[in-house]
Amino acid sequence: MPESFFSDLQAYGLPALFAVSFLAATILPLGSEWLLATLLLRGEPYAMAVAVATLGNTLGSWTTYLIGLWGGELMASRLLRLDERKLVRARHLYRRWGAWSLLLAWLPVVGDPLCLLAGLMRLRGSLFVPLVAIGKLGRYLLVAWSTLTLVTP
């Protein structure tokens, strides 16, 4: 990506953070932590930036959940490229840890399949959203704290 793309994103501030955070929680291979850190270093309010990133990322995971809920296994295999082996493994993990595994929905590689599987397993949305949001909030709080504590003098 050209350097101007990243500076353009930074110039849009919190709306860009929301969009990147949302997309990072879907099947697109993006990260949003860098933009959160950059905006904090540029003076964006801590609580607002963390809230925007958490909301965007949680809604992105909700999208993946809805794909699992409404799209079924066929869409999951095509969109997320989950082969039968990976799907069986994810189901086993889900059966073992249940809804609590969604606290790890922020993790790369396993987060999207966990959200998709929650939809496939017909987990209640009223349980899905808080668990996913708690995990994502914890991650963004850690990123923000690290940025403001370890990076700034």
N, C-alpha and C. Protein backbone atom coordinates (compact mmCIF):
# COMPACT_ATOMS: atom_id res chain seq x y z
N MET A 1 0.84 -1.18 0.00
CA MET A 1 0.00 0.00 0.00
C MET A 1 0.89 1.24 0.00
N PRO A 2 0.48 2.24 -0.74
CA PRO A 2 1.27 3.47 -0.75
C PRO A 2 1.19 4.18 0.60
N GLU A 3 2.27 4.89 0.92
CA GLU A 3 2.34 5.60 2.19
C GLU A 3 1.21 6.62 2.34
N SER A 4 0.77 7.21 1.23
CA SER A 4 -0.30 8.20 1.30
C SER A 4 -1.61 7.58 1.79
N PHE A 5 -1.81 6.30 1.51
CA PHE A 5 -3.02 5.63 1.98
C PHE A 5 -3.08 5.65 3.50
N PHE A 6 -1.96 5.35 4.14
CA PHE A 6 -1.92 5.32 5.60
C PHE A 6 -2.07 6.72 6.19
N SER A 7 -1.45 7.70 5.57
CA SER A 7 -1.60 9.06 6.08
C SER A 7 -3.01 9.57 5.85
N ASP A 8 -3.66 9.15 4.75
CA ASP A 8 -5.06 9.53 4.53
C ASP A 8 -5.95 8.94 5.61
N LEU A 9 -5.72 7.69 5.96
CA LEU A 9 -6.51 7.06 7.03
C LEU A 9 -6.34 7.81 8.34
N GLN A 10 -5.12 8.18 8.65
CA GLN A 10 -4.85 8.90 9.89
C GLN A 10 -5.55 10.26 9.89
N ALA A 11 -5.64 10.88 8.74
CA ALA A 11 -6.26 12.20 8.64
C ALA A 11 -7.76 12.14 8.92
N TYR A 12 -8.39 11.01 8.66
CA TYR A 12 -9.83 10.88 8.91
C TYR A 12 -10.15 10.55 10.36
N GLY A 13 -9.14 10.28 11.16
CA GLY A 13 -9.31 10.12 12.59
C GLY A 13 -10.23 8.98 13.01
N LEU A 14 -11.16 9.30 13.90
CA LEU A 14 -12.02 8.28 14.50
C LEU A 14 -12.93 7.58 13.49
N PRO A 15 -13.49 8.26 12.48
CA PRO A 15 -14.27 7.51 11.49
C PRO A 15 -13.43 6.44 10.76
N ALA A 16 -12.18 6.77 10.46
CA ALA A 16 -11.30 5.79 9.84
C ALA A 16 -11.00 4.65 10.80
N LEU A 17 -10.81 4.98 12.07
CA LEU A 17 -10.56 3.94 13.08
C LEU A 17 -11.75 2.99 13.17
N PHE A 18 -12.96 3.52 13.14
CA PHE A 18 -14.16 2.68 13.17
C PHE A 18 -14.17 1.75 11.96
N ALA A 19 -13.95 2.30 10.77
CA ALA A 19 -14.00 1.51 9.54
C ALA A 19 -12.92 0.43 9.51
N VAL A 20 -11.70 0.79 9.86
CA VAL A 20 -10.61 -0.19 9.85
C VAL A 20 -10.85 -1.26 10.92
N SER A 21 -11.33 -0.85 12.08
CA SER A 21 -11.61 -1.82 13.15
C SER A 21 -12.71 -2.78 12.73
N PHE A 22 -13.75 -2.25 12.08
CA PHE A 22 -14.83 -3.10 11.58
C PHE A 22 -14.28 -4.11 10.58
N LEU A 23 -13.57 -3.63 9.58
CA LEU A 23 -13.06 -4.51 8.53
C LEU A 23 -12.05 -5.52 9.06
N ALA A 24 -11.29 -5.12 10.08
CA ALA A 24 -10.29 -6.03 10.66
C ALA A 24 -10.93 -7.23 11.34
N ALA A 25 -12.20 -7.09 11.74
CA ALA A 25 -12.89 -8.19 12.42
C ALA A 25 -13.68 -9.07 11.46
N THR A 26 -13.60 -8.77 10.18
CA THR A 26 -14.24 -9.61 9.18
C THR A 26 -13.18 -10.53 8.58
N ILE A 27 -13.45 -11.07 7.44
CA ILE A 27 -12.50 -12.01 6.84
C ILE A 27 -11.31 -11.31 6.17
N LEU A 28 -11.31 -10.00 6.15
CA LEU A 28 -10.20 -9.26 5.54
C LEU A 28 -8.98 -9.28 6.45
N PRO A 29 -7.81 -9.48 5.89
CA PRO A 29 -6.60 -9.54 6.72
C PRO A 29 -6.06 -8.13 7.03
N LEU A 30 -6.70 -7.47 7.96
CA LEU A 30 -6.29 -6.13 8.37
C LEU A 30 -6.02 -6.10 9.86
N GLY A 31 -5.30 -5.09 10.29
CA GLY A 31 -5.11 -4.83 11.71
C GLY A 31 -5.51 -3.39 11.99
N SER A 32 -6.04 -3.15 13.15
CA SER A 32 -6.49 -1.81 13.51
C SER A 32 -5.67 -1.20 14.64
N GLU A 33 -4.85 -2.00 15.28
CA GLU A 33 -4.09 -1.51 16.43
C GLU A 33 -3.15 -0.37 16.06
N TRP A 34 -2.54 -0.45 14.90
CA TRP A 34 -1.60 0.59 14.48
C TRP A 34 -2.30 1.95 14.37
N LEU A 35 -3.53 1.95 13.85
CA LEU A 35 -4.26 3.20 13.70
C LEU A 35 -4.68 3.75 15.05
N LEU A 36 -5.11 2.88 15.96
CA LEU A 36 -5.45 3.32 17.31
C LEU A 36 -4.23 3.97 17.96
N ALA A 37 -3.09 3.30 17.89
CA ALA A 37 -1.86 3.84 18.50
C ALA A 37 -1.48 5.19 17.87
N THR A 38 -1.56 5.27 16.55
CA THR A 38 -1.22 6.51 15.86
C THR A 38 -2.13 7.65 16.28
N LEU A 39 -3.42 7.39 16.33
CA LEU A 39 -4.36 8.45 16.71
C LEU A 39 -4.18 8.88 18.16
N LEU A 40 -3.88 7.94 19.03
CA LEU A 40 -3.62 8.30 20.42
C LEU A 40 -2.37 9.18 20.53
N LEU A 41 -1.34 8.84 19.78
CA LEU A 41 -0.12 9.64 19.80
C LEU A 41 -0.34 11.03 19.20
N ARG A 42 -1.35 11.15 18.38
CA ARG A 42 -1.70 12.46 17.80
C ARG A 42 -2.67 13.25 18.67
N GLY A 43 -3.07 12.67 19.80
CA GLY A 43 -3.88 13.42 20.74
C GLY A 43 -5.36 13.09 20.80
N GLU A 44 -5.81 12.06 20.09
CA GLU A 44 -7.22 11.68 20.20
C GLU A 44 -7.52 11.28 21.65
N PRO A 45 -8.71 11.59 22.14
CA PRO A 45 -9.06 11.21 23.50
C PRO A 45 -9.03 9.69 23.69
N TYR A 46 -8.38 9.26 24.74
CA TYR A 46 -8.16 7.85 25.04
C TYR A 46 -9.46 7.06 25.04
N ALA A 47 -10.41 7.48 25.87
CA ALA A 47 -11.66 6.72 26.03
C ALA A 47 -12.45 6.67 24.72
N MET A 48 -12.50 7.77 24.01
CA MET A 48 -13.27 7.81 22.76
C MET A 48 -12.63 6.90 21.70
N ALA A 49 -11.31 6.96 21.59
CA ALA A 49 -10.63 6.13 20.59
C ALA A 49 -10.81 4.63 20.90
N VAL A 50 -10.68 4.26 22.16
CA VAL A 50 -10.85 2.86 22.54
C VAL A 50 -12.30 2.43 22.30
N ALA A 51 -13.25 3.29 22.63
CA ALA A 51 -14.67 2.96 22.43
C ALA A 51 -14.99 2.78 20.94
N VAL A 52 -14.48 3.66 20.10
CA VAL A 52 -14.74 3.57 18.66
C VAL A 52 -14.12 2.30 18.08
N ALA A 53 -12.89 1.99 18.45
CA ALA A 53 -12.24 0.78 17.95
C ALA A 53 -13.00 -0.47 18.42
N THR A 54 -13.40 -0.48 19.69
CA THR A 54 -14.12 -1.63 20.23
C THR A 54 -15.46 -1.82 19.54
N LEU A 55 -16.19 -0.74 19.35
CA LEU A 55 -17.49 -0.82 18.68
C LEU A 55 -17.34 -1.32 17.25
N GLY A 56 -16.43 -0.73 16.50
CA GLY A 56 -16.22 -1.16 15.11
C GLY A 56 -15.82 -2.62 15.02
N ASN A 57 -14.90 -3.05 15.88
CA ASN A 57 -14.41 -4.42 15.84
C ASN A 57 -15.49 -5.41 16.28
N THR A 58 -16.29 -5.02 17.26
CA THR A 58 -17.37 -5.89 17.71
C THR A 58 -18.44 -6.04 16.63
N LEU A 59 -18.77 -4.94 15.95
CA LEU A 59 -19.75 -5.02 14.86
C LEU A 59 -19.22 -5.85 13.69
N GLY A 60 -17.93 -5.79 13.44
CA GLY A 60 -17.34 -6.64 12.40
C GLY A 60 -17.47 -8.11 12.76
N SER A 61 -17.25 -8.44 14.03
CA SER A 61 -17.43 -9.83 14.48
C SER A 61 -18.89 -10.24 14.40
N TRP A 62 -19.79 -9.31 14.68
CA TRP A 62 -21.23 -9.58 14.57
C TRP A 62 -21.57 -9.96 13.13
N THR A 63 -20.94 -9.31 12.18
CA THR A 63 -21.15 -9.63 10.77
C THR A 63 -20.76 -11.08 10.48
N THR A 64 -19.61 -11.48 10.99
CA THR A 64 -19.16 -12.86 10.81
C THR A 64 -20.12 -13.84 11.49
N TYR A 65 -20.59 -13.48 12.66
CA TYR A 65 -21.59 -14.29 13.38
C TYR A 65 -22.84 -14.46 12.52
N LEU A 66 -23.32 -13.38 11.91
CA LEU A 66 -24.52 -13.45 11.07
C LEU A 66 -24.30 -14.31 9.83
N ILE A 67 -23.10 -14.30 9.30
CA ILE A 67 -22.78 -15.18 8.17
C ILE A 67 -22.96 -16.64 8.62
N GLY A 68 -22.46 -16.96 9.80
CA GLY A 68 -22.63 -18.31 10.32
C GLY A 68 -24.08 -18.64 10.62
N LEU A 69 -24.80 -17.67 11.16
CA LEU A 69 -26.19 -17.88 11.54
C LEU A 69 -27.08 -18.08 10.32
N TRP A 70 -26.92 -17.23 9.33
CA TRP A 70 -27.80 -17.26 8.17
C TRP A 70 -27.20 -17.93 6.95
N GLY A 71 -25.88 -17.94 6.86
CA GLY A 71 -25.25 -18.45 5.66
C GLY A 71 -24.96 -19.93 5.68
N GLY A 72 -24.92 -20.51 6.84
CA GLY A 72 -24.68 -21.92 6.95
C GLY A 72 -23.25 -22.33 6.62
N GLU A 73 -23.04 -23.60 6.61
CA GLU A 73 -21.71 -24.14 6.41
C GLU A 73 -21.16 -23.90 5.01
N LEU A 74 -22.01 -23.85 4.02
CA LEU A 74 -21.53 -23.64 2.66
C LEU A 74 -20.86 -22.27 2.54
N MET A 75 -21.52 -21.23 3.05
CA MET A 75 -20.92 -19.90 3.00
C MET A 75 -19.65 -19.84 3.83
N ALA A 76 -19.66 -20.50 4.97
CA ALA A 76 -18.48 -20.50 5.82
C ALA A 76 -17.28 -21.10 5.10
N SER A 77 -17.52 -22.19 4.40
CA SER A 77 -16.40 -22.82 3.70
C SER A 77 -15.92 -21.96 2.53
N ARG A 78 -16.84 -21.26 1.87
CA ARG A 78 -16.43 -20.43 0.73
C ARG A 78 -15.83 -19.10 1.17
N LEU A 79 -16.45 -18.41 2.11
CA LEU A 79 -15.98 -17.09 2.51
C LEU A 79 -14.75 -17.14 3.41
N LEU A 80 -14.77 -18.03 4.39
CA LEU A 80 -13.65 -18.11 5.33
C LEU A 80 -12.69 -19.24 5.00
N ARG A 81 -13.01 -19.97 3.96
CA ARG A 81 -12.15 -21.08 3.52
C ARG A 81 -11.88 -22.08 4.64
N LEU A 82 -12.93 -22.37 5.39
CA LEU A 82 -12.80 -23.38 6.44
C LEU A 82 -13.08 -24.75 5.83
N ASP A 83 -12.06 -25.57 5.77
CA ASP A 83 -12.30 -26.92 5.28
C ASP A 83 -12.94 -27.75 6.40
N GLU A 84 -13.34 -28.94 6.07
CA GLU A 84 -14.06 -29.78 7.04
C GLU A 84 -13.23 -30.04 8.29
N ARG A 85 -11.92 -30.26 8.12
CA ARG A 85 -11.03 -30.52 9.25
C ARG A 85 -11.01 -29.34 10.22
N LYS A 86 -10.89 -28.12 9.67
CA LYS A 86 -10.86 -26.93 10.51
C LYS A 86 -12.21 -26.70 11.19
N LEU A 87 -13.28 -26.99 10.47
CA LEU A 87 -14.61 -26.82 11.04
C LEU A 87 -14.86 -27.81 12.18
N VAL A 88 -14.42 -29.04 12.01
CA VAL A 88 -14.56 -30.04 13.07
C VAL A 88 -13.73 -29.62 14.29
N ARG A 89 -12.54 -29.14 14.05
CA ARG A 89 -11.67 -28.69 15.15
C ARG A 89 -12.31 -27.51 15.89
N ALA A 90 -12.85 -26.56 15.13
CA ALA A 90 -13.51 -25.40 15.74
C ALA A 90 -14.73 -25.82 16.55
N ARG A 91 -15.49 -26.76 16.03
CA ARG A 91 -16.67 -27.26 16.77
C ARG A 91 -16.25 -27.93 18.07
N HIS A 92 -15.17 -28.69 18.00
CA HIS A 92 -14.67 -29.35 19.20
C HIS A 92 -14.26 -28.31 20.24
N LEU A 93 -13.53 -27.31 19.82
CA LEU A 93 -13.11 -26.24 20.72
C LEU A 93 -14.33 -25.54 21.31
N TYR A 94 -15.31 -25.30 20.47
CA TYR A 94 -16.52 -24.61 20.94
C TYR A 94 -17.29 -25.46 21.94
N ARG A 95 -17.38 -26.75 21.67
CA ARG A 95 -18.09 -27.63 22.60
C ARG A 95 -17.36 -27.72 23.94
N ARG A 96 -16.04 -27.68 23.86
CA ARG A 96 -15.24 -27.78 25.09
C ARG A 96 -15.34 -26.52 25.93
N TRP A 97 -15.19 -25.36 25.29
CA TRP A 97 -15.14 -24.10 26.02
C TRP A 97 -16.45 -23.31 25.93
N GLY A 98 -17.30 -23.68 24.99
CA GLY A 98 -18.58 -23.00 24.86
C GLY A 98 -18.46 -21.53 24.54
N ALA A 99 -19.43 -20.81 24.97
CA ALA A 99 -19.50 -19.38 24.67
C ALA A 99 -18.31 -18.62 25.24
N TRP A 100 -17.71 -19.12 26.31
CA TRP A 100 -16.57 -18.41 26.91
C TRP A 100 -15.39 -18.27 25.94
N SER A 101 -15.32 -19.14 24.96
CA SER A 101 -14.24 -19.03 23.97
C SER A 101 -14.33 -17.72 23.19
N LEU A 102 -15.49 -17.10 23.17
CA LEU A 102 -15.66 -15.83 22.45
C LEU A 102 -14.88 -14.68 23.09
N LEU A 103 -14.44 -14.85 24.32
CA LEU A 103 -13.55 -13.85 24.92
C LEU A 103 -12.24 -13.76 24.13
N LEU A 104 -11.97 -14.77 23.32
CA LEU A 104 -10.75 -14.81 22.50
C LEU A 104 -11.01 -14.44 21.04
N ALA A 105 -12.18 -13.87 20.77
CA ALA A 105 -12.53 -13.51 19.39
C ALA A 105 -11.61 -12.46 18.80
N TRP A 106 -10.84 -11.79 19.62
CA TRP A 106 -9.91 -10.76 19.14
C TRP A 106 -8.61 -11.36 18.58
N LEU A 107 -8.38 -12.63 18.84
CA LEU A 107 -7.13 -13.26 18.39
C LEU A 107 -7.08 -13.40 16.87
N PRO A 108 -5.91 -13.17 16.29
CA PRO A 108 -5.77 -13.44 14.86
C PRO A 108 -5.95 -14.94 14.59
N VAL A 109 -6.36 -15.27 13.42
CA VAL A 109 -6.53 -16.62 12.89
C VAL A 109 -7.74 -17.34 13.51
N VAL A 110 -7.85 -17.41 14.83
CA VAL A 110 -8.95 -18.16 15.44
C VAL A 110 -10.19 -17.31 15.73
N GLY A 111 -10.04 -16.00 15.80
CA GLY A 111 -11.17 -15.13 16.17
C GLY A 111 -12.33 -15.20 15.20
N ASP A 112 -12.06 -15.08 13.91
CA ASP A 112 -13.14 -15.14 12.91
C ASP A 112 -13.86 -16.49 12.93
N PRO A 113 -13.13 -17.61 12.94
CA PRO A 113 -13.84 -18.88 13.01
C PRO A 113 -14.67 -19.05 14.28
N LEU A 114 -14.21 -18.51 15.40
CA LEU A 114 -15.00 -18.60 16.63
C LEU A 114 -16.33 -17.87 16.47
N CYS A 115 -16.29 -16.69 15.86
CA CYS A 115 -17.51 -15.91 15.65
C CYS A 115 -18.44 -16.61 14.66
N LEU A 116 -17.87 -17.13 13.61
CA LEU A 116 -18.65 -17.86 12.62
C LEU A 116 -19.30 -19.09 13.26
N LEU A 117 -18.54 -19.81 14.04
CA LEU A 117 -19.03 -21.00 14.69
C LEU A 117 -20.14 -20.68 15.68
N ALA A 118 -20.02 -19.56 16.38
CA ALA A 118 -21.09 -19.15 17.30
C ALA A 118 -22.40 -19.00 16.53
N GLY A 119 -22.33 -18.45 15.32
CA GLY A 119 -23.52 -18.35 14.49
C GLY A 119 -24.02 -19.71 14.03
N LEU A 120 -23.10 -20.55 13.57
CA LEU A 120 -23.47 -21.90 13.14
C LEU A 120 -24.11 -22.70 14.27
N MET A 121 -23.62 -22.49 15.49
CA MET A 121 -24.14 -23.21 16.65
C MET A 121 -25.38 -22.53 17.24
N ARG A 122 -25.81 -21.46 16.59
CA ARG A 122 -27.03 -20.74 16.99
C ARG A 122 -26.97 -20.17 18.40
N LEU A 123 -25.78 -19.69 18.79
CA LEU A 123 -25.64 -19.04 20.08
C LEU A 123 -26.49 -17.77 20.10
N ARG A 124 -27.11 -17.49 21.21
CA ARG A 124 -27.93 -16.28 21.34
C ARG A 124 -27.06 -15.04 21.15
N GLY A 125 -27.56 -14.10 20.37
CA GLY A 125 -26.85 -12.85 20.16
C GLY A 125 -26.65 -12.07 21.45
N SER A 126 -27.58 -12.21 22.38
CA SER A 126 -27.48 -11.50 23.66
C SER A 126 -26.33 -12.04 24.52
N LEU A 127 -25.82 -13.20 24.20
CA LEU A 127 -24.64 -13.74 24.87
C LEU A 127 -23.39 -13.46 24.03
N PHE A 128 -23.54 -13.54 22.73
CA PHE A 128 -22.42 -13.33 21.81
C PHE A 128 -21.81 -11.93 21.97
N VAL A 129 -22.66 -10.91 21.87
CA VAL A 129 -22.16 -9.52 21.83
C VAL A 129 -21.36 -9.14 23.07
N PRO A 130 -21.86 -9.36 24.30
CA PRO A 130 -21.06 -8.94 25.46
C PRO A 130 -19.73 -9.68 25.58
N LEU A 131 -19.73 -10.98 25.29
CA LEU A 131 -18.48 -11.73 25.41
C LEU A 131 -17.44 -11.25 24.40
N VAL A 132 -17.86 -11.04 23.17
CA VAL A 132 -16.94 -10.56 22.14
C VAL A 132 -16.46 -9.15 22.49
N ALA A 133 -17.38 -8.30 22.91
CA ALA A 133 -17.03 -6.91 23.23
C ALA A 133 -16.05 -6.83 24.39
N ILE A 134 -16.23 -7.67 25.40
CA ILE A 134 -15.31 -7.67 26.55
C ILE A 134 -13.88 -8.02 26.11
N GLY A 135 -13.75 -9.05 25.31
CA GLY A 135 -12.43 -9.44 24.83
C GLY A 135 -11.78 -8.37 23.97
N LYS A 136 -12.56 -7.77 23.09
CA LYS A 136 -12.02 -6.75 22.20
C LYS A 136 -11.68 -5.47 22.98
N LEU A 137 -12.52 -5.12 23.94
CA LEU A 137 -12.23 -3.96 24.79
C LEU A 137 -10.93 -4.17 25.54
N GLY A 138 -10.74 -5.36 26.09
CA GLY A 138 -9.49 -5.65 26.81
C GLY A 138 -8.28 -5.50 25.93
N ARG A 139 -8.38 -5.98 24.71
CA ARG A 139 -7.25 -5.86 23.77
C ARG A 139 -6.96 -4.40 23.46
N TYR A 140 -7.99 -3.61 23.15
CA TYR A 140 -7.77 -2.20 22.81
C TYR A 140 -7.30 -1.39 24.00
N LEU A 141 -7.78 -1.72 25.20
CA LEU A 141 -7.27 -1.04 26.39
C LEU A 141 -5.78 -1.31 26.57
N LEU A 142 -5.38 -2.55 26.33
CA LEU A 142 -3.96 -2.89 26.45
C LEU A 142 -3.13 -2.17 25.40
N VAL A 143 -3.62 -2.12 24.17
CA VAL A 143 -2.91 -1.39 23.11
C VAL A 143 -2.79 0.08 23.46
N ALA A 144 -3.89 0.68 23.91
CA ALA A 144 -3.88 2.10 24.25
C ALA A 144 -2.95 2.38 25.44
N TRP A 145 -3.06 1.56 26.46
CA TRP A 145 -2.20 1.74 27.63
C TRP A 145 -0.73 1.60 27.26
N SER A 146 -0.42 0.56 26.47
CA SER A 146 0.96 0.34 26.04
C SER A 146 1.48 1.52 25.22
N THR A 147 0.64 2.02 24.34
CA THR A 147 1.04 3.14 23.51
C THR A 147 1.37 4.37 24.34
N LEU A 148 0.47 4.70 25.27
CA LEU A 148 0.63 5.92 26.04
C LEU A 148 1.65 5.78 27.17
N THR A 149 1.91 4.55 27.59
CA THR A 149 2.86 4.34 28.68
C THR A 149 4.27 4.04 28.17
N LEU A 150 4.36 3.20 27.16
CA LEU A 150 5.67 2.74 26.72
C LEU A 150 6.24 3.55 25.56
N VAL A 151 5.38 4.15 24.76
CA VAL A 151 5.87 4.86 23.58
C VAL A 151 6.11 6.34 23.85
N THR A 152 5.21 6.95 24.60
CA THR A 152 5.36 8.38 24.87
C THR A 152 6.32 8.60 26.03
N PRO A 153 7.13 9.64 25.95
CA PRO A 153 8.12 9.90 27.02
C PRO A 153 7.47 10.41 28.29
